[in-house]
Amino acid sequence: MKNNRNFLFYGIGSVAFGIKGNAFSWFLFFYYNMVIGLPAWMASLALAIATIWDAISDLIIGYSSDHTKSRLGRRHPYMYAALIPVPIFFVLLWNPPTFDTDFNLFLYLLIMAILVRTFTTLFEIPNQSLGPEITREYHERTKMMSLRYFFGWMGGTVMTILMYFVFLKPTAEYPNGQLNPEGYEIYGFVAAIIMLAAMIISSRGLNHLIPNLSKPAANNNFSEIKDELKSTLLNKSFLVLFIGGIFAGMAAGFSSALNIYFNTFFWGFSTFQIGIVSIVAVVPGIICSMIIARILSKNIGKKRAAIICGSIALALTPVPYALRIFELAPSFGSNGLLLMMSSYYFIEVSTGVAVTILVSSMVSDIVEDSELTTKKRSEGIFFSAQGFSAKAVSGVGIFLAGLVTSLAGLPTNAKPGAIDDNILINVALYFVPIYMILYLFSIYFFSLYKIDQDTHESNLASINER
């Protein structure tokens, strides 16, 4: 029961990260490009730069939190320091002033995006790094990560549902709610309040762990720091997850940035229909992913489970786009098409989130594998490096999305149903093969991971004997 309580507060900590991730992946690029009118290449460049900076700050914060000595332990000082800046800068991000030039709007987006990402990381990395110390049991870690990703995804999904059903209201001026700027501004305020509440609840709920957490090992000079980083980051199982994460991050950034474009222009869904997808496909998919990850992990191990789930998601990727291009799908914006895409999104979310849960659980098991060699626990380094691999190149994925929409000729301030279908098909023809190649490489590198349950239990036994 005590572990379940800790799992709950640990899971709640991911709500802020989930909302931020969902906002940046699904809405922010579209908002600044299609609603405010910033050219696609400028919006995507600003978000790409901010994401790459975020990846670098991950490593700095991860290493620092591993070695911080304070009466609040290694992690909590950073978590508490993030509480006020995160909601303030998140509100400002969604409520930009009016600028005379695109360049000034570009600078504003860049600065606000960097600030939001940096302060969210200040909370997320130390908070996530508490996980391997909450439990060291092989299958319990999958259960714990399932709960964390459930809260993270649900935080983002609930805000998406509110966005489409409440905030993005069609008006006489904006008959298509996705293009209504007022909805995005309100979204910024509501999301900021929820993020703040989740961070406070998680921080306070895990406060009682502080006396029993591992104490940081001292590094007395630059040479020791360099040796620790080298020994830690060259762990073979970590390296393959890191490289796999690079390709997965590019694929995720690319796909997420184009998601609202496809839903709005390629499939022709209304604001209400996109909200329906979140309720009937995404939410059940998140719940299903938790069940899939735990059952497959127990029966065939984490690595094989991740490969199977990833392969299913990959194989299904081209299906709906091919049906639409060859005019075999239900008609544009119809309820039949909504049913087809809801089924597709349910499978995509179920398998994709299961992969994320399993890979994060695999990263937790690397902590003890590395500790055997380094004699130091480096949760912050591992989770921040995992975040680095995903974020640094998801920025590349976002930039790719901007290039694809520009190369295909998708106009700024376009209206659904008024775009040449050849342009939309070109976007899909660019997207599908690039996405599949990136995702295939990620699955290949995940397959090279070496730690199974026997290895992990052997590592724990060796550490306990010291």
Protein backbone atom coordinates (compact mmCIF):
# COMPACT_ATOMS: atom_id res chain seq x y z
CA MET A 1 0.00 0.00 0.00
CA LYS A 2 2.83 2.39 0.83
CA ASN A 3 4.40 1.82 -2.59
CA ASN A 4 1.05 2.37 -4.28
CA ARG A 5 0.77 5.73 -2.52
CA ASN A 6 4.26 6.65 -3.70
CA PHE A 7 3.42 5.48 -7.22
CA LEU A 8 0.36 7.74 -7.19
CA PHE A 9 2.26 10.89 -6.21
CA TYR A 10 5.07 9.95 -8.60
CA GLY A 11 2.53 9.57 -11.40
CA ILE A 12 0.81 12.88 -10.67
CA GLY A 13 4.18 14.58 -11.14
CA SER A 14 4.02 13.87 -14.87
CA VAL A 15 0.78 15.83 -15.40
CA ALA A 16 2.63 19.13 -15.91
CA PHE A 17 5.08 17.51 -18.33
CA GLY A 18 2.20 15.83 -20.19
CA ILE A 19 0.30 19.10 -20.61
CA LYS A 20 3.42 20.93 -21.74
CA GLY A 21 4.38 18.14 -24.13
CA ASN A 22 0.89 17.97 -25.59
CA ALA A 23 0.76 21.74 -26.00
CA PHE A 24 4.09 21.92 -27.80
CA SER A 25 3.49 18.84 -29.92
CA TRP A 26 -0.11 19.38 -31.03
CA PHE A 27 -1.11 23.02 -30.73
CA LEU A 28 1.73 25.52 -30.47
CA PHE A 29 3.12 25.25 -34.02
CA PHE A 30 -0.38 25.36 -35.51
CA TYR A 31 -1.37 28.31 -33.29
CA TYR A 32 1.57 30.52 -34.20
CA ASN A 33 1.50 29.49 -37.88
CA MET A 34 -2.16 29.14 -38.89
CA VAL A 35 -3.87 31.32 -36.26
CA ILE A 36 -1.43 34.16 -35.59
CA GLY A 37 0.16 34.00 -39.05
CA LEU A 38 3.89 33.43 -38.37
CA PRO A 39 5.42 31.72 -41.44
CA ALA A 40 5.76 27.94 -40.97
CA TRP A 41 9.53 27.91 -41.34
CA MET A 42 9.96 30.61 -38.67
CA ALA A 43 7.55 28.95 -36.21
CA SER A 44 9.17 25.54 -36.69
CA LEU A 45 12.69 27.00 -36.41
CA ALA A 46 11.87 28.75 -33.11
CA LEU A 47 10.40 25.56 -31.64
CA ALA A 48 13.29 23.47 -32.95
CA ILE A 49 15.88 25.75 -31.32
CA ALA A 50 13.94 25.77 -28.05
CA THR A 51 13.70 21.98 -28.09
CA ILE A 52 17.41 21.55 -28.71
CA TRP A 53 18.18 23.94 -25.84
CA ASP A 54 15.75 21.97 -23.68
CA ALA A 55 17.67 18.80 -24.44
CA ILE A 56 20.93 20.41 -23.34
CA SER A 57 19.36 21.77 -20.16
CA ASP A 58 18.12 18.22 -19.40
CA LEU A 59 21.71 17.00 -19.05
CA ILE A 60 22.76 19.97 -16.91
CA ILE A 61 19.80 19.60 -14.55
CA GLY A 62 20.07 15.80 -14.46
CA TYR A 63 23.74 15.83 -13.50
CA SER A 64 23.26 18.66 -11.00
CA SER A 65 20.38 16.93 -9.23
CA ASP A 66 22.41 13.70 -8.95
CA HIS A 67 25.08 15.62 -7.00
CA THR A 68 23.08 18.17 -5.00
CA LYS A 69 23.44 18.08 -1.21
CA SER A 70 20.70 19.80 0.78
CA ARG A 71 18.32 19.19 3.65
CA LEU A 72 15.64 18.58 0.97
CA GLY A 73 17.71 15.87 -0.69
CA ARG A 74 18.94 15.69 -4.28
CA ARG A 75 15.69 16.25 -6.19
CA HIS A 76 13.21 18.39 -4.26
CA PRO A 77 15.11 21.73 -4.35
CA TYR A 78 14.76 21.79 -8.15
CA MET A 79 11.13 20.68 -8.06
CA TYR A 80 10.16 23.47 -5.64
CA ALA A 81 12.17 26.07 -7.60
CA ALA A 82 10.08 25.35 -10.72
CA LEU A 83 6.66 25.88 -9.14
CA ILE A 84 6.20 29.59 -9.85
CA PRO A 85 8.06 30.13 -13.18
CA VAL A 86 6.31 27.29 -15.04
CA PRO A 87 2.74 28.62 -14.90
CA ILE A 88 3.77 32.25 -15.43
CA PHE A 89 5.74 31.61 -18.61
CA PHE A 90 3.18 29.11 -19.90
CA VAL A 91 0.46 31.80 -19.76
CA LEU A 92 2.71 34.31 -21.52
CA LEU A 93 3.50 31.78 -24.27
CA TRP A 94 -0.18 31.55 -25.27
CA ASN A 95 -0.90 35.27 -24.94
CA PRO A 96 1.64 37.04 -27.17
CA PRO A 97 1.42 40.81 -27.67
CA THR A 98 0.91 42.24 -31.17
CA PHE A 99 4.16 42.78 -33.07
CA ASP A 100 4.87 44.86 -36.17
CA THR A 101 7.16 42.28 -37.77
CA ASP A 102 7.31 38.50 -38.08
CA PHE A 103 10.87 38.58 -36.75
CA ASN A 104 9.79 40.10 -33.43
CA LEU A 105 7.03 37.50 -33.08
CA PHE A 106 9.62 34.83 -33.88
CA LEU A 107 11.87 36.12 -31.07
CA TYR A 108 8.98 36.19 -28.61
CA LEU A 109 8.01 32.60 -29.44
CA LEU A 110 11.64 31.50 -29.17
CA ILE A 111 12.22 33.14 -25.77
CA MET A 112 8.93 32.02 -24.22
CA ALA A 113 9.33 28.46 -25.54
CA ILE A 114 12.85 28.25 -24.07
CA LEU A 115 11.67 29.54 -20.67
CA VAL A 116 8.68 27.18 -20.49
CA ARG A 117 10.76 24.17 -21.53
CA THR A 118 13.65 24.98 -19.18
CA PHE A 119 11.55 25.45 -16.04
CA THR A 120 9.37 22.43 -16.82
CA THR A 121 12.57 20.39 -17.11
CA LEU A 122 13.70 21.81 -13.76
CA PHE A 123 10.75 19.96 -12.26
CA GLU A 124 10.42 16.94 -14.57
CA ILE A 125 13.94 15.48 -14.55
CA PRO A 126 14.44 15.46 -10.74
CA ASN A 127 10.86 14.26 -10.25
CA GLN A 128 11.22 11.42 -12.77
CA SER A 129 14.62 10.49 -11.31
CA LEU A 130 12.97 9.59 -8.00
CA GLY A 131 11.38 6.54 -9.67
CA PRO A 132 14.24 4.02 -9.50
CA GLU A 133 14.58 4.73 -5.77
CA ILE A 134 10.87 4.31 -5.05
CA THR A 135 11.13 0.65 -6.12
CA ARG A 136 13.94 -1.55 -7.41
CA GLU A 137 11.75 -4.55 -8.27
CA TYR A 138 11.77 -5.45 -11.99
CA HIS A 139 8.00 -5.69 -12.64
CA GLU A 140 7.02 -3.07 -10.05
CA ARG A 141 8.95 -0.55 -12.09
CA THR A 142 6.79 -1.28 -15.13
CA LYS A 143 3.70 -0.80 -12.94
CA MET A 144 5.10 2.48 -11.62
CA MET A 145 6.01 3.78 -15.08
CA SER A 146 2.58 2.73 -16.39
CA LEU A 147 0.97 4.94 -13.77
CA ARG A 148 3.32 7.81 -14.51
CA TYR A 149 2.63 7.74 -18.23
CA PHE A 150 -1.09 7.33 -17.55
CA PHE A 151 -1.13 10.61 -15.64
CA GLY A 152 1.14 12.34 -18.15
CA TRP A 153 -0.95 11.31 -21.13
CA MET A 154 -4.23 11.94 -19.33
CA GLY A 155 -3.09 15.43 -18.36
CA GLY A 156 -2.39 16.26 -21.99
CA THR A 157 -5.51 14.46 -23.24
CA VAL A 158 -7.91 16.11 -20.80
CA MET A 159 -6.58 19.50 -21.89
CA THR A 160 -7.04 18.43 -25.52
CA ILE A 161 -10.67 17.48 -24.82
CA LEU A 162 -11.25 20.82 -23.10
CA MET A 163 -9.57 22.54 -26.02
CA TYR A 164 -11.86 21.05 -28.64
CA PHE A 165 -15.12 20.97 -26.66
CA VAL A 166 -14.81 24.12 -24.56
CA PHE A 167 -12.09 26.55 -25.64
CA LEU A 168 -12.04 26.38 -29.46
CA LYS A 169 -15.61 27.50 -30.01
CA PRO A 170 -16.75 28.24 -33.56
CA THR A 171 -17.98 31.83 -33.95
CA ALA A 172 -19.33 33.93 -36.80
CA GLU A 173 -15.81 35.26 -37.35
CA TYR A 174 -14.19 31.83 -36.91
CA PRO A 175 -16.60 29.13 -38.13
CA ASN A 176 -13.79 26.60 -37.72
CA GLY A 177 -12.97 26.59 -33.99
CA GLN A 178 -9.36 25.51 -34.51
CA LEU A 179 -8.67 28.97 -35.93
CA ASN A 180 -10.20 30.92 -33.02
CA PRO A 181 -7.32 32.68 -31.17
CA GLU A 182 -9.32 33.33 -27.99
CA GLY A 183 -9.54 29.61 -27.28
CA TYR A 184 -5.76 29.24 -27.21
CA GLU A 185 -5.41 32.18 -24.83
CA ILE A 186 -7.90 30.70 -22.34
CA TYR A 187 -6.20 27.31 -22.72
CA GLY A 188 -2.93 28.85 -21.54
CA PHE A 189 -4.48 30.10 -18.27
CA VAL A 190 -6.36 26.89 -17.43
CA ALA A 191 -3.43 24.61 -18.27
CA ALA A 192 -1.06 26.69 -16.14
CA ILE A 193 -3.30 26.30 -13.07
CA ILE A 194 -3.53 22.52 -13.49
CA MET A 195 0.23 22.21 -14.02
CA LEU A 196 0.92 24.16 -10.82
CA ALA A 197 -1.51 22.04 -8.79
CA ALA A 198 0.01 18.76 -10.05
CA MET A 199 3.57 19.87 -9.30
CA ILE A 200 2.66 20.93 -5.75
CA ILE A 201 0.77 17.68 -5.03
CA SER A 202 3.61 15.48 -6.32
CA SER A 203 6.36 17.42 -4.56
CA ARG A 204 4.59 17.42 -1.20
CA GLY A 205 3.40 13.83 -1.58
CA LEU A 206 6.95 12.54 -2.12
CA ASN A 207 8.53 14.76 0.54
CA HIS A 208 8.51 11.95 3.12
CA LEU A 209 10.97 9.96 0.97
CA ILE A 210 13.79 12.49 1.41
CA PRO A 211 15.46 10.97 4.54
CA ASN A 212 15.69 7.52 2.90
CA LEU A 213 16.94 8.56 -0.54
CA SER A 214 20.49 7.84 -1.66
CA LYS A 215 23.05 10.47 -0.80
CA PRO A 216 25.05 12.04 -3.64
CA ALA A 217 28.59 10.92 -4.28
CA ALA A 218 31.12 13.72 -4.34
CA ASN A 219 33.16 14.62 -7.42
CA ASN A 220 36.10 16.72 -6.37
CA ASN A 221 37.45 17.88 -9.73
CA PHE A 222 36.69 18.08 -13.44
CA SER A 223 38.57 14.86 -14.16
CA GLU A 224 36.31 12.88 -11.81
CA ILE A 225 33.22 14.45 -13.37
CA LYS A 226 34.45 13.53 -16.85
CA ASP A 227 35.23 9.95 -15.80
CA GLU A 228 31.82 9.52 -14.19
CA LEU A 229 29.96 10.80 -17.23
CA LYS A 230 32.05 8.60 -19.52
CA SER A 231 31.50 5.44 -17.47
CA THR A 232 27.80 6.17 -17.04
CA LEU A 233 26.86 7.16 -20.55
CA LEU A 234 28.93 4.45 -22.25
CA ASN A 235 26.88 1.70 -20.61
CA LYS A 236 26.05 -0.54 -23.60
CA SER A 237 22.37 -0.99 -22.83
CA PHE A 238 21.97 2.72 -22.28
CA LEU A 239 23.72 3.57 -25.55
CA VAL A 240 21.31 1.53 -27.66
CA LEU A 241 18.29 3.07 -25.91
CA PHE A 242 19.85 6.51 -26.37
CA ILE A 243 20.37 6.01 -30.11
CA GLY A 244 16.93 4.44 -30.48
CA GLY A 245 15.51 7.42 -28.64
CA ILE A 246 17.12 9.77 -31.16
CA PHE A 247 15.18 8.19 -34.01
CA ALA A 248 11.99 7.85 -31.94
CA GLY A 249 12.25 11.51 -30.92
CA MET A 250 12.56 12.69 -34.51
CA ALA A 251 9.58 10.54 -35.50
CA ALA A 252 7.48 11.79 -32.56
CA GLY A 253 8.27 15.46 -33.17
CA PHE A 254 7.55 15.09 -36.88
CA SER A 255 4.25 13.27 -36.35
CA SER A 256 2.94 15.38 -33.48
CA ALA A 257 3.59 18.70 -35.21
CA LEU A 258 1.58 17.54 -38.24
CA ASN A 259 -1.23 15.88 -36.27
CA ILE A 260 -3.58 18.85 -36.15
CA TYR A 261 -2.80 19.66 -39.80
CA PHE A 262 -3.87 16.18 -40.87
CA ASN A 263 -6.97 16.18 -38.66
CA THR A 264 -8.04 19.62 -39.86
CA PHE A 265 -7.09 19.64 -43.54
CA PHE A 266 -6.38 16.05 -44.68
CA TRP A 267 -9.25 14.32 -42.87
CA GLY A 268 -11.52 17.37 -42.68
CA PHE A 269 -12.59 16.91 -39.06
CA SER A 270 -14.40 19.64 -37.17
CA THR A 271 -13.37 20.81 -33.71
CA PHE A 272 -16.10 18.60 -32.22
CA GLN A 273 -14.98 15.52 -34.17
CA ILE A 274 -11.34 15.91 -33.09
CA GLY A 275 -12.55 16.12 -29.49
CA ILE A 276 -14.55 12.92 -30.02
CA VAL A 277 -11.37 11.15 -31.16
CA SER A 278 -9.68 12.08 -27.88
CA ILE A 279 -12.55 10.61 -25.86
CA VAL A 280 -13.26 7.39 -27.80
CA ALA A 281 -9.73 6.57 -28.98
CA VAL A 282 -6.97 8.31 -27.00
CA VAL A 283 -8.29 7.85 -23.44
CA PRO A 284 -9.13 4.13 -23.91
CA GLY A 285 -5.79 3.74 -25.72
CA ILE A 286 -3.87 5.13 -22.74
CA ILE A 287 -5.63 2.75 -20.36
CA CYS A 288 -5.06 -0.17 -22.71
CA SER A 289 -1.34 0.69 -23.02
CA MET A 290 -0.91 0.26 -19.25
CA ILE A 291 -2.46 -3.18 -19.39
CA ILE A 292 -0.48 -4.22 -22.47
CA ALA A 293 2.84 -3.06 -21.01
CA ARG A 294 2.36 -4.89 -17.70
CA ILE A 295 1.03 -8.16 -19.17
CA LEU A 296 3.62 -8.43 -21.96
CA SER A 297 6.46 -7.39 -19.66
CA LYS A 298 5.62 -10.18 -17.20
CA ASN A 299 5.23 -12.82 -19.89
CA ILE A 300 7.94 -12.07 -22.46
CA GLY A 301 10.13 -9.37 -20.89
CA LYS A 302 10.34 -5.63 -21.45
CA LYS A 303 12.49 -5.62 -24.58
CA ARG A 304 10.47 -8.14 -26.58
CA ALA A 305 7.25 -6.45 -25.49
CA ALA A 306 8.52 -3.08 -26.72
CA ILE A 307 9.59 -4.54 -30.08
CA ILE A 308 6.22 -6.23 -30.67
CA CYS A 309 4.22 -3.12 -29.77
CA GLY A 310 6.46 -0.89 -31.88
CA SER A 311 6.24 -3.22 -34.87
CA ILE A 312 2.43 -3.23 -34.75
CA ALA A 313 2.34 0.57 -34.67
CA LEU A 314 4.82 0.78 -37.54
CA ALA A 315 2.96 -1.70 -39.75
CA LEU A 316 -0.31 0.23 -39.40
CA THR A 317 1.16 3.68 -40.12
CA PRO A 318 0.57 3.87 -43.91
CA VAL A 319 -2.86 2.22 -43.92
CA PRO A 320 -5.24 5.20 -43.39
CA TYR A 321 -3.19 7.51 -45.63
CA ALA A 322 -3.16 4.94 -48.44
CA LEU A 323 -6.93 4.48 -48.13
CA ARG A 324 -7.46 8.24 -48.34
CA ILE A 325 -5.09 8.73 -51.31
CA PHE A 326 -6.63 5.86 -53.31
CA GLU A 327 -10.16 7.07 -52.45
CA LEU A 328 -11.00 3.92 -50.49
CA ALA A 329 -11.67 5.73 -47.21
CA PRO A 330 -15.05 7.18 -46.17
CA SER A 331 -15.77 10.70 -47.40
CA PHE A 332 -13.97 13.84 -46.19
CA GLY A 333 -15.03 14.80 -42.65
CA SER A 334 -17.71 12.10 -42.44
CA ASN A 335 -18.66 10.11 -39.35
CA GLY A 336 -17.54 6.97 -41.17
CA LEU A 337 -14.06 8.46 -41.56
CA LEU A 338 -14.14 9.50 -37.90
CA LEU A 339 -14.87 5.89 -36.91
CA MET A 340 -12.04 4.61 -39.09
CA MET A 341 -9.51 7.10 -37.70
CA SER A 342 -10.68 6.57 -34.11
CA SER A 343 -9.93 2.85 -34.52
CA TYR A 344 -6.52 3.67 -35.97
CA TYR A 345 -5.67 6.17 -33.22
CA PHE A 346 -6.76 3.70 -30.53
CA ILE A 347 -4.27 1.09 -31.78
CA GLU A 348 -1.56 3.71 -32.34
CA VAL A 349 -1.88 5.11 -28.81
CA SER A 350 -2.20 1.66 -27.17
CA THR A 351 0.98 0.36 -28.78
CA GLY A 352 2.96 3.61 -28.87
CA VAL A 353 2.44 4.53 -25.22
CA ALA A 354 3.16 0.91 -24.22
CA VAL A 355 6.55 1.22 -25.94
CA THR A 356 7.27 4.44 -24.03
CA ILE A 357 6.32 2.84 -20.70
CA LEU A 358 8.50 -0.21 -21.35
CA VAL A 359 11.52 1.79 -22.52
CA SER A 360 11.34 4.05 -19.42
CA SER A 361 11.18 0.95 -17.23
CA MET A 362 14.23 -0.38 -19.11
CA VAL A 363 16.09 2.87 -18.37
CA SER A 364 15.31 2.40 -14.65
CA ASP A 365 16.99 -1.02 -14.75
CA ILE A 366 20.15 0.51 -16.23
CA VAL A 367 20.67 2.47 -12.98
CA GLU A 368 21.80 -0.62 -11.05
CA ASP A 369 23.67 -2.03 -14.05
CA SER A 370 25.72 1.15 -14.14
CA GLU A 371 26.07 1.32 -10.35
CA LEU A 372 28.01 -1.96 -10.41
CA THR A 373 30.74 -0.23 -12.41
CA THR A 374 30.64 3.37 -11.19
CA LYS A 375 29.55 2.75 -7.56
CA LYS A 376 27.26 5.76 -8.02
CA ARG A 377 23.53 6.09 -8.65
CA SER A 378 22.96 8.30 -11.68
CA GLU A 379 19.20 8.35 -12.21
CA GLY A 380 19.29 12.02 -13.17
CA ILE A 381 21.92 11.49 -15.84
CA PHE A 382 20.10 8.53 -17.40
CA PHE A 383 16.65 10.09 -17.50
CA SER A 384 18.00 13.44 -18.66
CA ALA A 385 20.06 11.76 -21.37
CA GLN A 386 16.98 9.83 -22.45
CA GLY A 387 15.14 13.15 -22.59
CA PHE A 388 18.09 14.70 -24.44
CA SER A 389 17.98 12.06 -27.18
CA ALA A 390 14.24 12.54 -27.67
CA LYS A 391 14.06 16.33 -27.33
CA ALA A 392 17.17 17.32 -29.28
CA VAL A 393 15.95 15.57 -32.36
CA SER A 394 12.21 16.06 -31.84
CA GLY A 395 13.14 19.67 -32.58
CA VAL A 396 14.53 18.37 -35.85
CA GLY A 397 11.22 16.55 -36.36
CA ILE A 398 9.27 19.77 -35.76
CA PHE A 399 11.52 21.59 -38.22
CA LEU A 400 10.93 18.76 -40.73
CA ALA A 401 7.19 19.31 -40.31
CA GLY A 402 7.66 22.98 -41.18
CA LEU A 403 9.73 22.08 -44.23
CA VAL A 404 7.19 19.49 -45.39
CA THR A 405 4.25 21.91 -45.17
CA SER A 406 6.32 24.56 -46.98
CA LEU A 407 7.59 22.20 -49.69
CA ALA A 408 4.12 20.81 -50.28
CA GLY A 409 2.82 24.36 -50.68
CA LEU A 410 0.35 24.40 -47.77
CA PRO A 411 -0.67 28.07 -47.48
CA THR A 412 -0.65 30.05 -44.23
CA ASN A 413 -4.15 30.87 -42.87
CA ALA A 414 -5.61 28.12 -45.04
CA LYS A 415 -9.25 27.10 -44.67
CA PRO A 416 -10.36 23.44 -44.41
CA GLY A 417 -11.92 22.18 -47.64
CA ALA A 418 -10.39 25.04 -49.65
CA ILE A 419 -6.94 23.55 -50.28
CA ASP A 420 -5.94 21.76 -53.48
CA ASP A 421 -6.08 18.04 -52.65
CA ASN A 422 -2.77 17.45 -54.43
CA ILE A 423 -1.08 19.65 -51.82
CA LEU A 424 -2.57 17.57 -49.00
CA ILE A 425 -1.57 14.32 -50.68
CA ASN A 426 1.97 15.63 -51.11
CA VAL A 427 2.15 16.34 -47.37
CA ALA A 428 1.13 12.72 -46.69
CA LEU A 429 3.58 11.35 -49.27
CA TYR A 430 6.42 13.23 -47.58
CA PHE A 431 5.28 12.28 -44.08
CA VAL A 432 4.62 8.52 -44.25
CA PRO A 433 7.98 7.20 -45.57
CA ILE A 434 10.09 9.59 -43.47
CA TYR A 435 8.16 8.69 -40.31
CA MET A 436 8.35 4.94 -40.97
CA ILE A 437 12.10 4.98 -41.61
CA LEU A 438 12.77 6.91 -38.40
CA TYR A 439 10.55 4.61 -36.34
CA LEU A 440 12.08 1.46 -37.87
CA PHE A 441 15.56 2.55 -36.81
CA SER A 442 14.34 3.20 -33.26
CA ILE A 443 12.90 -0.34 -33.00
CA TYR A 444 16.15 -1.83 -34.30
CA PHE A 445 18.27 -0.12 -31.64
CA PHE A 446 15.81 -0.95 -28.85
CA SER A 447 16.23 -4.62 -29.87
CA LEU A 448 19.95 -4.47 -28.92
CA TYR A 449 19.20 -3.81 -25.21
CA LYS A 450 20.73 -6.54 -22.99
CA ILE A 451 19.20 -6.35 -19.48
CA ASP A 452 16.45 -8.86 -18.67
CA GLN A 453 14.89 -9.82 -15.34
CA ASP A 454 17.66 -12.32 -14.46
CA THR A 455 20.37 -9.76 -15.21
CA HIS A 456 18.62 -7.11 -13.13
CA GLU A 457 18.17 -9.40 -10.12
CA SER A 458 21.82 -10.45 -10.39
CA ASN A 459 22.85 -6.77 -10.41
CA LEU A 460 20.78 -6.09 -7.27
CA ALA A 461 22.31 -9.09 -5.49
CA SER A 462 25.83 -7.96 -6.36
CA ILE A 463 25.16 -4.43 -5.12
CA ASN A 464 23.66 -5.69 -1.86
CA GLU A 465 26.71 -7.88 -1.23
CA ARG A 466 29.10 -4.92 -1.34
